[in-house]
Amino acid sequence: QLLPVEKLPKYAQAGFEGFKTLNRIQSKLYRAALETDENLLLCAPTGAGKTNVALMCMLREIGKHINMDGTINVDDFKIIYIAPMRSLVQEMVGSFGKVRG
């Protein structure tokens, strides 16, 4: 069953603007990616949604540093994202631009 984006925490929904649901792989892994601090290894074909699973993992960390007023304590953590293509990095930067508190 595909998970509707509206079921994600409010702070995470902005990262999935334009999507109504997560895809099959993302729906299956969202709890591990967004609700735990466990390590996660995902091997899937191009276009399967791996980048958005990585985004959920990063949103998990961001979610731990949100103040009551909705702002994010950006000095409390760092996220490093390494990708084989500049376009993937630019896509991720665009997604984070929507999440900022």
PDB file of N, CA and C in Angstrom:
ATOM      1  N   GLN A   1       0.835  -1.179   0.000  1.00  0.00           N
ATOM      2  CA  GLN A   1       0.000   0.000   0.000  1.00  0.00           C
ATOM      3  C   GLN A   1       0.884   1.248   0.000  1.00  0.00           C
ATOM      4  N   LEU A   2       0.553   2.207  -0.854  1.00  0.00           N
ATOM      5  CA  LEU A   2       1.330   3.432  -0.959  1.00  0.00           C
ATOM      6  C   LEU A   2       0.950   4.391   0.161  1.00  0.00           C
ATOM      7  N   LEU A   3       1.959   4.974   0.790  1.00  0.00           N
ATOM      8  CA  LEU A   3       1.733   5.886   1.907  1.00  0.00           C
ATOM      9  C   LEU A   3       1.462   7.298   1.388  1.00  0.00           C
ATOM     10  N   PRO A   4       0.321   7.895   1.760  1.00  0.00           N
ATOM     11  CA  PRO A   4       0.062   9.281   1.364  1.00  0.00           C
ATOM     12  C   PRO A   4       1.064  10.217   2.045  1.00  0.00           C
ATOM     13  N   VAL A   5       1.549  11.199   1.317  1.00  0.00           N
ATOM     14  CA  VAL A   5       2.510  12.160   1.869  1.00  0.00           C
ATOM     15  C   VAL A   5       1.912  12.876   3.074  1.00  0.00           C
ATOM     16  N   GLU A   6       0.601  13.079   3.083  1.00  0.00           N
ATOM     17  CA  GLU A   6      -0.042  13.766   4.209  1.00  0.00           C
ATOM     18  C   GLU A   6       0.075  12.989   5.520  1.00  0.00           C
ATOM     19  N   LYS A   7       0.440  11.711   5.469  1.00  0.00           N
ATOM     20  CA  LYS A   7       0.634  10.908   6.681  1.00  0.00           C
ATOM     21  C   LYS A   7       2.023  11.122   7.296  1.00  0.00           C
ATOM     22  N   LEU A   8       2.923  11.746   6.542  1.00  0.00           N
ATOM     23  CA  LEU A   8       4.257  12.041   7.070  1.00  0.00           C
ATOM     24  C   LEU A   8       4.151  13.175   8.080  1.00  0.00           C
ATOM     25  N   PRO A   9       5.135  13.301   8.993  1.00  0.00           N
ATOM     26  CA  PRO A   9       5.133  14.454   9.898  1.00  0.00           C
ATOM     27  C   PRO A   9       5.110  15.748   9.082  1.00  0.00           C
ATOM     28  N   LYS A  10       4.499  16.783   9.627  1.00  0.00           N
ATOM     29  CA  LYS A  10       4.358  18.058   8.907  1.00  0.00           C
ATOM     30  C   LYS A  10       5.691  18.569   8.384  1.00  0.00           C
ATOM     31  N   TYR A  11       6.745  18.497   9.213  1.00  0.00           N
ATOM     32  CA  TYR A  11       8.040  19.027   8.785  1.00  0.00           C
ATOM     33  C   TYR A  11       8.595  18.265   7.584  1.00  0.00           C
ATOM     34  N   ALA A  12       8.207  17.012   7.414  1.00  0.00           N
ATOM     35  CA  ALA A  12       8.724  16.187   6.317  1.00  0.00           C
ATOM     36  C   ALA A  12       7.913  16.353   5.033  1.00  0.00           C
ATOM     37  N   GLN A  13       6.670  16.756   5.156  1.00  0.00           N
ATOM     38  CA  GLN A  13       5.805  16.866   3.980  1.00  0.00           C
ATOM     39  C   GLN A  13       6.339  17.859   2.954  1.00  0.00           C
ATOM     40  N   ALA A  14       6.962  18.939   3.418  1.00  0.00           N
ATOM     41  CA  ALA A  14       7.480  19.963   2.499  1.00  0.00           C
ATOM     42  C   ALA A  14       8.534  19.392   1.555  1.00  0.00           C
ATOM     43  N   GLY A  15       9.270  18.392   2.001  1.00  0.00           N
ATOM     44  CA  GLY A  15      10.288  17.769   1.163  1.00  0.00           C
ATOM     45  C   GLY A  15       9.708  16.934   0.033  1.00  0.00           C
ATOM     46  N   PHE A  16       8.408  16.669   0.096  1.00  0.00           N
ATOM     47  CA  PHE A  16       7.747  15.849  -0.915  1.00  0.00           C
ATOM     48  C   PHE A  16       6.639  16.625  -1.621  1.00  0.00           C
ATOM     49  N   GLU A  17       6.829  17.928  -1.712  1.00  0.00           N
ATOM     50  CA  GLU A  17       5.869  18.791  -2.399  1.00  0.00           C
ATOM     51  C   GLU A  17       5.673  18.309  -3.841  1.00  0.00           C
ATOM     52  N   GLY A  18       4.430  18.230  -4.247  1.00  0.00           N
ATOM     53  CA  GLY A  18       4.125  17.773  -5.604  1.00  0.00           C
ATOM     54  C   GLY A  18       3.838  16.280  -5.684  1.00  0.00           C
ATOM     55  N   PHE A  19       4.089  15.553  -4.602  1.00  0.00           N
ATOM     56  CA  PHE A  19       3.802  14.114  -4.550  1.00  0.00           C
ATOM     57  C   PHE A  19       2.545  13.894  -3.721  1.00  0.00           C
ATOM     58  N   LYS A  20       1.666  13.028  -4.173  1.00  0.00           N
ATOM     59  CA  LYS A  20       0.499  12.654  -3.379  1.00  0.00           C
ATOM     60  C   LYS A  20       0.822  11.468  -2.473  1.00  0.00           C
ATOM     61  N   THR A  21       1.630  10.533  -2.992  1.00  0.00           N
ATOM     62  CA  THR A  21       2.000   9.346  -2.222  1.00  0.00           C
ATOM     63  C   THR A  21       3.489   9.063  -2.411  1.00  0.00           C
ATOM     64  N   LEU A  22       4.026   8.305  -1.485  1.00  0.00           N
ATOM     65  CA  LEU A  22       5.358   7.747  -1.678  1.00  0.00           C
ATOM     66  C   LEU A  22       5.208   6.566  -2.628  1.00  0.00           C
ATOM     67  N   ASN A  23       6.282   6.189  -3.303  1.00  0.00           N
ATOM     68  CA  ASN A  23       6.179   5.016  -4.174  1.00  0.00           C
ATOM     69  C   ASN A  23       6.275   3.738  -3.332  1.00  0.00           C
ATOM     70  N   ARG A  24       6.256   2.602  -3.990  1.00  0.00           N
ATOM     71  CA  ARG A  24       6.213   1.322  -3.276  1.00  0.00           C
ATOM     72  C   ARG A  24       7.422   1.123  -2.364  1.00  0.00           C
ATOM     73  N   ILE A  25       8.620   1.361  -2.876  1.00  0.00           N
ATOM     74  CA  ILE A  25       9.842   1.174  -2.080  1.00  0.00           C
ATOM     75  C   ILE A  25       9.889   2.173  -0.931  1.00  0.00           C
ATOM     76  N   GLN A  26       9.580   3.428  -1.219  1.00  0.00           N
ATOM     77  CA  GLN A  26       9.594   4.465  -0.185  1.00  0.00           C
ATOM     78  C   GLN A  26       8.559   4.172   0.898  1.00  0.00           C
ATOM     79  N   SER A  27       7.382   3.717   0.496  1.00  0.00           N
ATOM     80  CA  SER A  27       6.325   3.387   1.458  1.00  0.00           C
ATOM     81  C   SER A  27       6.747   2.242   2.366  1.00  0.00           C
ATOM     82  N   LYS A  28       7.460   1.281   1.805  1.00  0.00           N
ATOM     83  CA  LYS A  28       7.913   0.129   2.590  1.00  0.00           C
ATOM     84  C   LYS A  28       9.011   0.520   3.586  1.00  0.00           C
ATOM     85  N   LEU A  29       9.850   1.489   3.207  1.00  0.00           N
ATOM     86  CA  LEU A  29      11.009   1.848   4.027  1.00  0.00           C
ATOM     87  C   LEU A  29      10.829   3.103   4.871  1.00  0.00           C
ATOM     88  N   TYR A  30       9.691   3.779   4.762  1.00  0.00           N
ATOM     89  CA  TYR A  30       9.587   5.073   5.428  1.00  0.00           C
ATOM     90  C   TYR A  30       9.763   4.986   6.944  1.00  0.00           C
ATOM     91  N   ARG A  31       9.288   3.943   7.579  1.00  0.00           N
ATOM     92  CA  ARG A  31       9.466   3.832   9.044  1.00  0.00           C
ATOM     93  C   ARG A  31      10.935   3.706   9.414  1.00  0.00           C
ATOM     94  N   ALA A  32      11.664   2.866   8.697  1.00  0.00           N
ATOM     95  CA  ALA A  32      13.098   2.701   8.963  1.00  0.00           C
ATOM     96  C   ALA A  32      13.849   3.996   8.685  1.00  0.00           C
ATOM     97  N   ALA A  33      13.450   4.713   7.637  1.00  0.00           N
ATOM     98  CA  ALA A  33      14.160   5.932   7.240  1.00  0.00           C
ATOM     99  C   ALA A  33      13.782   7.135   8.090  1.00  0.00           C
ATOM    100  N   LEU A  34      12.522   7.249   8.463  1.00  0.00           N
ATOM    101  CA  LEU A  34      12.028   8.466   9.094  1.00  0.00           C
ATOM    102  C   LEU A  34      11.755   8.319  10.589  1.00  0.00           C
ATOM    103  N   GLU A  35      11.689   7.086  11.085  1.00  0.00           N
ATOM    104  CA  GLU A  35      11.310   6.903  12.481  1.00  0.00           C
ATOM    105  C   GLU A  35      12.357   6.189  13.323  1.00  0.00           C
ATOM    106  N   THR A  36      13.499   5.827  12.737  1.00  0.00           N
ATOM    107  CA  THR A  36      14.554   5.178  13.521  1.00  0.00           C
ATOM    108  C   THR A  36      15.902   5.805  13.180  1.00  0.00           C
ATOM    109  N   ASP A  37      16.866   5.550  14.025  1.00  0.00           N
ATOM    110  CA  ASP A  37      18.238   5.995  13.766  1.00  0.00           C
ATOM    111  C   ASP A  37      19.105   4.826  13.302  1.00  0.00           C
ATOM    112  N   GLU A  38      18.472   3.760  12.858  1.00  0.00           N
ATOM    113  CA  GLU A  38      19.209   2.591  12.387  1.00  0.00           C
ATOM    114  C   GLU A  38      19.874   2.878  11.046  1.00  0.00           C
ATOM    115  N   ASN A  39      20.969   2.185  10.786  1.00  0.00           N
ATOM    116  CA  ASN A  39      21.609   2.279   9.473  1.00  0.00           C
ATOM    117  C   ASN A  39      20.691   1.641   8.436  1.00  0.00           C
ATOM    118  N   LEU A  40      20.804   2.112   7.212  1.00  0.00           N
ATOM    119  CA  LEU A  40      19.928   1.629   6.154  1.00  0.00           C
ATOM    120  C   LEU A  40      20.736   1.480   4.873  1.00  0.00           C
ATOM    121  N   LEU A  41      20.623   0.339   4.240  1.00  0.00           N
ATOM    122  CA  LEU A  41      21.262   0.097   2.947  1.00  0.00           C
ATOM    123  C   LEU A  41      20.156  -0.240   1.958  1.00  0.00           C
ATOM    124  N   LEU A  42      20.085   0.528   0.878  1.00  0.00           N
ATOM    125  CA  LEU A  42      19.054   0.322  -0.131  1.00  0.00           C
ATOM    126  C   LEU A  42      19.714   0.179  -1.490  1.00  0.00           C
ATOM    127  N   CYS A  43      19.496  -0.946  -2.122  1.00  0.00           N
ATOM    128  CA  CYS A  43      19.976  -1.188  -3.488  1.00  0.00           C
ATOM    129  C   CYS A  43      18.736  -1.359  -4.362  1.00  0.00           C
ATOM    130  N   ALA A  44      18.591  -0.491  -5.337  1.00  0.00           N
ATOM    131  CA  ALA A  44      17.426  -0.542  -6.217  1.00  0.00           C
ATOM    132  C   ALA A  44      17.804   0.097  -7.549  1.00  0.00           C
ATOM    133  N   PRO A  45      17.043  -0.202  -8.592  1.00  0.00           N
ATOM    134  CA  PRO A  45      17.361   0.352  -9.914  1.00  0.00           C
ATOM    135  C   PRO A  45      17.195   1.873  -9.972  1.00  0.00           C
ATOM    136  N   THR A  46      17.777   2.459 -10.994  1.00  0.00           N
ATOM    137  CA  THR A  46      17.607   3.884 -11.260  1.00  0.00           C
ATOM    138  C   THR A  46      16.120   4.203 -11.373  1.00  0.00           C
ATOM    139  N   GLY A  47      15.715   5.283 -10.744  1.00  0.00           N
ATOM    140  CA  GLY A  47      14.319   5.698 -10.804  1.00  0.00           C
ATOM    141  C   GLY A  47      13.425   5.050  -9.769  1.00  0.00           C
ATOM    142  N   ALA A  48      14.001   4.249  -8.877  1.00  0.00           N
ATOM    143  CA  ALA A  48      13.199   3.536  -7.880  1.00  0.00           C
ATOM    144  C   ALA A  48      12.847   4.397  -6.668  1.00  0.00           C
ATOM    145  N   GLY A  49      13.493   5.555  -6.528  1.00  0.00           N
ATOM    146  CA  GLY A  49      13.171   6.437  -5.403  1.00  0.00           C
ATOM    147  C   GLY A  49      14.189   6.436  -4.286  1.00  0.00           C
ATOM    148  N   LYS A  50      15.403   5.998  -4.566  1.00  0.00           N
ATOM    149  CA  LYS A  50      16.446   5.944  -3.530  1.00  0.00           C
ATOM    150  C   LYS A  50      16.767   7.325  -2.967  1.00  0.00           C
ATOM    151  N   THR A  51      16.782   8.331  -3.835  1.00  0.00           N
ATOM    152  CA  THR A  51      17.107   9.685  -3.379  1.00  0.00           C
ATOM    153  C   THR A  51      16.093  10.168  -2.350  1.00  0.00           C
ATOM    154  N   ASN A  52      14.823   9.870  -2.553  1.00  0.00           N
ATOM    155  CA  ASN A  52      13.807  10.290  -1.586  1.00  0.00           C
ATOM    156  C   ASN A  52      13.879   9.497  -0.290  1.00  0.00           C
ATOM    157  N   VAL A  53      14.345   8.272  -0.327  1.00  0.00           N
ATOM    158  CA  VAL A  53      14.578   7.522   0.911  1.00  0.00           C
ATOM    159  C   VAL A  53      15.719   8.186   1.680  1.00  0.00           C
ATOM    160  N   ALA A  54      16.771   8.591   0.963  1.00  0.00           N
ATOM    161  CA  ALA A  54      17.870   9.321   1.607  1.00  0.00           C
ATOM    162  C   ALA A  54      17.351  10.622   2.213  1.00  0.00           C
ATOM    163  N   LEU A  55      16.466  11.305   1.502  1.00  0.00           N
ATOM    164  CA  LEU A  55      15.871  12.534   2.017  1.00  0.00           C
ATOM    165  C   LEU A  55      15.127  12.263   3.319  1.00  0.00           C
ATOM    166  N   MET A  56      14.382  11.166   3.385  1.00  0.00           N
ATOM    167  CA  MET A  56      13.668  10.834   4.619  1.00  0.00           C
ATOM    168  C   MET A  56      14.635  10.615   5.776  1.00  0.00           C
ATOM    169  N   CYS A  57      15.758   9.969   5.517  1.00  0.00           N
ATOM    170  CA  CYS A  57      16.766   9.761   6.568  1.00  0.00           C
ATOM    171  C   CYS A  57      17.290  11.103   7.077  1.00  0.00           C
ATOM    172  N   MET A  58      17.520  12.024   6.169  1.00  0.00           N
ATOM    173  CA  MET A  58      18.009  13.347   6.562  1.00  0.00           C
ATOM    174  C   MET A  58      16.928  14.138   7.288  1.00  0.00           C
ATOM    175  N   LEU A  59      15.690  13.998   6.850  1.00  0.00           N
ATOM    176  CA  LEU A  59      14.585  14.675   7.520  1.00  0.00           C
ATOM    177  C   LEU A  59      14.415  14.166   8.946  1.00  0.00           C
ATOM    178  N   ARG A  60      14.726  12.909   9.170  1.00  0.00           N
ATOM    179  CA  ARG A  60      14.677  12.346  10.523  1.00  0.00           C
ATOM    180  C   ARG A  60      15.595  13.138  11.446  1.00  0.00           C
ATOM    181  N   GLU A  61      16.811  13.397  10.988  1.00  0.00           N
ATOM    182  CA  GLU A  61      17.764  14.155  11.804  1.00  0.00           C
ATOM    183  C   GLU A  61      17.287  15.592  11.996  1.00  0.00           C
ATOM    184  N   ILE A  62      16.801  16.203  10.944  1.00  0.00           N
ATOM    185  CA  ILE A  62      16.283  17.571  11.051  1.00  0.00           C
ATOM    186  C   ILE A  62      15.137  17.624  12.058  1.00  0.00           C
ATOM    187  N   GLY A  63      14.266  16.628  12.015  1.00  0.00           N
ATOM    188  CA  GLY A  63      13.118  16.586  12.915  1.00  0.00           C
ATOM    189  C   GLY A  63      13.494  16.575  14.384  1.00  0.00           C
ATOM    190  N   LYS A  64      14.676  16.091  14.701  1.00  0.00           N
ATOM    191  CA  LYS A  64      15.134  16.066  16.094  1.00  0.00           C
ATOM    192  C   LYS A  64      15.575  17.440  16.584  1.00  0.00           C
ATOM    193  N   HIS A  65      15.681  18.404  15.673  1.00  0.00           N
ATOM    194  CA  HIS A  65      16.218  19.722  16.023  1.00  0.00           C
ATOM    195  C   HIS A  65      15.252  20.855  15.690  1.00  0.00           C
ATOM    196  N   ILE A  66      13.962  20.557  15.700  1.00  0.00           N
ATOM    197  CA  ILE A  66      12.951  21.577  15.424  1.00  0.00           C
ATOM    198  C   ILE A  66      12.460  22.164  16.745  1.00  0.00           C
ATOM    199  N   ASN A  67      12.464  23.491  16.819  1.00  0.00           N
ATOM    200  CA  ASN A  67      11.972  24.201  18.003  1.00  0.00           C
ATOM    201  C   ASN A  67      10.452  24.244  18.008  1.00  0.00           C
ATOM    202  N   MET A  68       9.890  24.618  19.136  1.00  0.00           N
ATOM    203  CA  MET A  68       8.434  24.723  19.273  1.00  0.00           C
ATOM    204  C   MET A  68       7.831  25.714  18.280  1.00  0.00           C
ATOM    205  N   ASP A  69       8.604  26.750  17.900  1.00  0.00           N
ATOM    206  CA  ASP A  69       8.085  27.745  16.959  1.00  0.00           C
ATOM    207  C   ASP A  69       8.275  27.328  15.500  1.00  0.00           C
ATOM    208  N   GLY A  70       8.783  26.113  15.273  1.00  0.00           N
ATOM    209  CA  GLY A  70       8.950  25.590  13.925  1.00  0.00           C
ATOM    210  C   GLY A  70      10.299  25.866  13.291  1.00  0.00           C
ATOM    211  N   THR A  71      11.139  26.653  13.956  1.00  0.00           N
ATOM    212  CA  THR A  71      12.475  26.907  13.419  1.00  0.00           C
ATOM    213  C   THR A  71      13.372  25.707  13.695  1.00  0.00           C
ATOM    214  N   ILE A  72      14.451  25.629  12.942  1.00  0.00           N
ATOM    215  CA  ILE A  72      15.378  24.500  13.059  1.00  0.00           C
ATOM    216  C   ILE A  72      16.689  24.988  13.653  1.00  0.00           C
ATOM    217  N   ASN A  73      17.199  24.278  14.666  1.00  0.00           N
ATOM    218  CA  ASN A  73      18.502  24.590  15.260  1.00  0.00           C
ATOM    219  C   ASN A  73      19.596  24.080  14.326  1.00  0.00           C
ATOM    220  N   VAL A  74      19.921  24.852  13.311  1.00  0.00           N
ATOM    221  CA  VAL A  74      20.863  24.394  12.288  1.00  0.00           C
ATOM    222  C   VAL A  74      22.295  24.273  12.799  1.00  0.00           C
ATOM    223  N   ASP A  75      22.601  24.877  13.933  1.00  0.00           N
ATOM    224  CA  ASP A  75      23.958  24.778  14.485  1.00  0.00           C
ATOM    225  C   ASP A  75      24.168  23.496  15.287  1.00  0.00           C
ATOM    226  N   ASP A  76      23.110  22.731  15.517  1.00  0.00           N
ATOM    227  CA  ASP A  76      23.189  21.534  16.357  1.00  0.00           C
ATOM    228  C   ASP A  76      23.554  20.254  15.605  1.00  0.00           C
ATOM    229  N   PHE A  77      23.607  20.296  14.285  1.00  0.00           N
ATOM    230  CA  PHE A  77      23.870  19.075  13.522  1.00  0.00           C
ATOM    231  C   PHE A  77      24.410  19.426  12.145  1.00  0.00           C
ATOM    232  N   LYS A  78      24.954  18.422  11.478  1.00  0.00           N
ATOM    233  CA  LYS A  78      25.421  18.563  10.096  1.00  0.00           C
ATOM    234  C   LYS A  78      24.955  17.348   9.312  1.00  0.00           C
ATOM    235  N   ILE A  79      24.630  17.579   8.067  1.00  0.00           N
ATOM    236  CA  ILE A  79      24.275  16.497   7.156  1.00  0.00           C
ATOM    237  C   ILE A  79      25.177  16.619   5.941  1.00  0.00           C
ATOM    238  N   ILE A  80      25.823  15.536   5.593  1.00  0.00           N
ATOM    239  CA  ILE A  80      26.667  15.506   4.402  1.00  0.00           C
ATOM    240  C   ILE A  80      26.021  14.545   3.415  1.00  0.00           C
ATOM    241  N   TYR A  81      25.749  15.030   2.226  1.00  0.00           N
ATOM    242  CA  TYR A  81      25.133  14.208   1.183  1.00  0.00           C
ATOM    243  C   TYR A  81      26.099  14.137   0.013  1.00  0.00           C
ATOM    244  N   ILE A  82      26.495  12.950  -0.344  1.00  0.00           N
ATOM    245  CA  ILE A  82      27.417  12.734  -1.460  1.00  0.00           C
ATOM    246  C   ILE A  82      26.669  11.952  -2.533  1.00  0.00           C
ATOM    247  N   ALA A  83      26.738  12.447  -3.748  1.00  0.00           N
ATOM    248  CA  ALA A  83      26.045  11.792  -4.857  1.00  0.00           C
ATOM    249  C   ALA A  83      26.972  11.723  -6.058  1.00  0.00           C
ATOM    250  N   PRO A  84      26.762  10.732  -6.917  1.00  0.00           N
ATOM    251  CA  PRO A  84      27.638  10.578  -8.080  1.00  0.00           C
ATOM    252  C   PRO A  84      27.385  11.600  -9.188  1.00  0.00           C
ATOM    253  N   MET A  85      26.262  12.310  -9.096  1.00  0.00           N
ATOM    254  CA  MET A  85      25.941  13.278 -10.148  1.00  0.00           C
ATOM    255  C   MET A  85      25.514  14.602  -9.525  1.00  0.00           C
ATOM    256  N   ARG A  86      25.969  15.683 -10.126  1.00  0.00           N
ATOM    257  CA  ARG A  86      25.621  17.023  -9.648  1.00  0.00           C
ATOM    258  C   ARG A  86      24.101  17.219  -9.629  1.00  0.00           C
ATOM    259  N   SER A  87      23.397  16.651 -10.590  1.00  0.00           N
ATOM    260  CA  SER A  87      21.946  16.833 -10.665  1.00  0.00           C
ATOM    261  C   SER A  87      21.242  16.271  -9.425  1.00  0.00           C
ATOM    262  N   LEU A  88      21.738  15.166  -8.884  1.00  0.00           N
ATOM    263  CA  LEU A  88      21.147  14.612  -7.661  1.00  0.00           C
ATOM    264  C   LEU A  88      21.359  15.541  -6.478  1.00  0.00           C
ATOM    265  N   VAL A  89      22.536  16.122  -6.397  1.00  0.00           N
ATOM    266  CA  VAL A  89      22.824  17.062  -5.309  1.00  0.00           C
ATOM    267  C   VAL A  89      21.919  18.286  -5.437  1.00  0.00           C
ATOM    268  N   GLN A  90      21.763  18.803  -6.638  1.00  0.00           N
ATOM    269  CA  GLN A  90      20.906  19.970  -6.853  1.00  0.00           C
ATOM    270  C   GLN A  90      19.449  19.655  -6.505  1.00  0.00           C
ATOM    271  N   GLU A  91      19.014  18.448  -6.831  1.00  0.00           N
ATOM    272  CA  GLU A  91      17.655  18.021  -6.479  1.00  0.00           C
ATOM    273  C   GLU A  91      17.482  18.017  -4.965  1.00  0.00           C
ATOM    274  N   MET A  92      18.478  17.509  -4.249  1.00  0.00           N
ATOM    275  CA  MET A  92      18.412  17.444  -2.791  1.00  0.00           C
ATOM    276  C   MET A  92      18.427  18.848  -2.185  1.00  0.00           C
ATOM    277  N   VAL A  93      19.255  19.719  -2.705  1.00  0.00           N
ATOM    278  CA  VAL A  93      19.292  21.103  -2.217  1.00  0.00           C
ATOM    279  C   VAL A  93      17.922  21.756  -2.410  1.00  0.00           C
ATOM    280  N   GLY A  94      17.290  21.508  -3.539  1.00  0.00           N
ATOM    281  CA  GLY A  94      15.953  22.039  -3.787  1.00  0.00           C
ATOM    282  C   GLY A  94      14.937  21.523  -2.782  1.00  0.00           C
ATOM    283  N   SER A  95      15.021  20.256  -2.451  1.00  0.00           N
ATOM    284  CA  SER A  95      14.102  19.671  -1.468  1.00  0.00           C
ATOM    285  C   SER A  95      14.317  20.282  -0.093  1.00  0.00           C
ATOM    286  N   PHE A  96      15.566  20.491   0.289  1.00  0.00           N
ATOM    287  CA  PHE A  96      15.855  21.078   1.597  1.00  0.00           C
ATOM    288  C   PHE A  96      15.424  22.535   1.668  1.00  0.00           C
ATOM    289  N   GLY A  97      15.466  23.227   0.543  1.00  0.00           N
ATOM    290  CA  GLY A  97      15.016  24.614   0.519  1.00  0.00           C
ATOM    291  C   GLY A  97      13.555  24.739   0.917  1.00  0.00           C
ATOM    292  N   LYS A  98      12.766  23.714   0.667  1.00  0.00           N
ATOM    293  CA  LYS A  98      11.345  23.708   1.015  1.00  0.00           C
ATOM    294  C   LYS A  98      11.121  23.367   2.481  1.00  0.00           C
ATOM    295  N   VAL A  99      12.088  22.697   3.110  1.00  0.00           N
ATOM    296  CA  VAL A  99      11.934  22.207   4.479  1.00  0.00           C
ATOM    297  C   VAL A  99      12.359  23.239   5.510  1.00  0.00           C
ATOM    298  N   ARG A 100      13.201  24.146   5.152  1.00  0.00           N
ATOM    299  CA  ARG A 100      13.806  25.077   6.107  1.00  0.00           C
ATOM    300  C   ARG A 100      12.789  25.705   7.042  1.00  0.00           C
ATOM    301  N   GLY A 101      13.199  25.836   8.287  1.00  0.00           N
ATOM    302  CA  GLY A 101      12.330  26.432   9.292  1.00  0.00           C
ATOM    303  C   GLY A 101      12.663  27.870   9.560  1.00  0.00           C
TER     304      GLY A 101
END
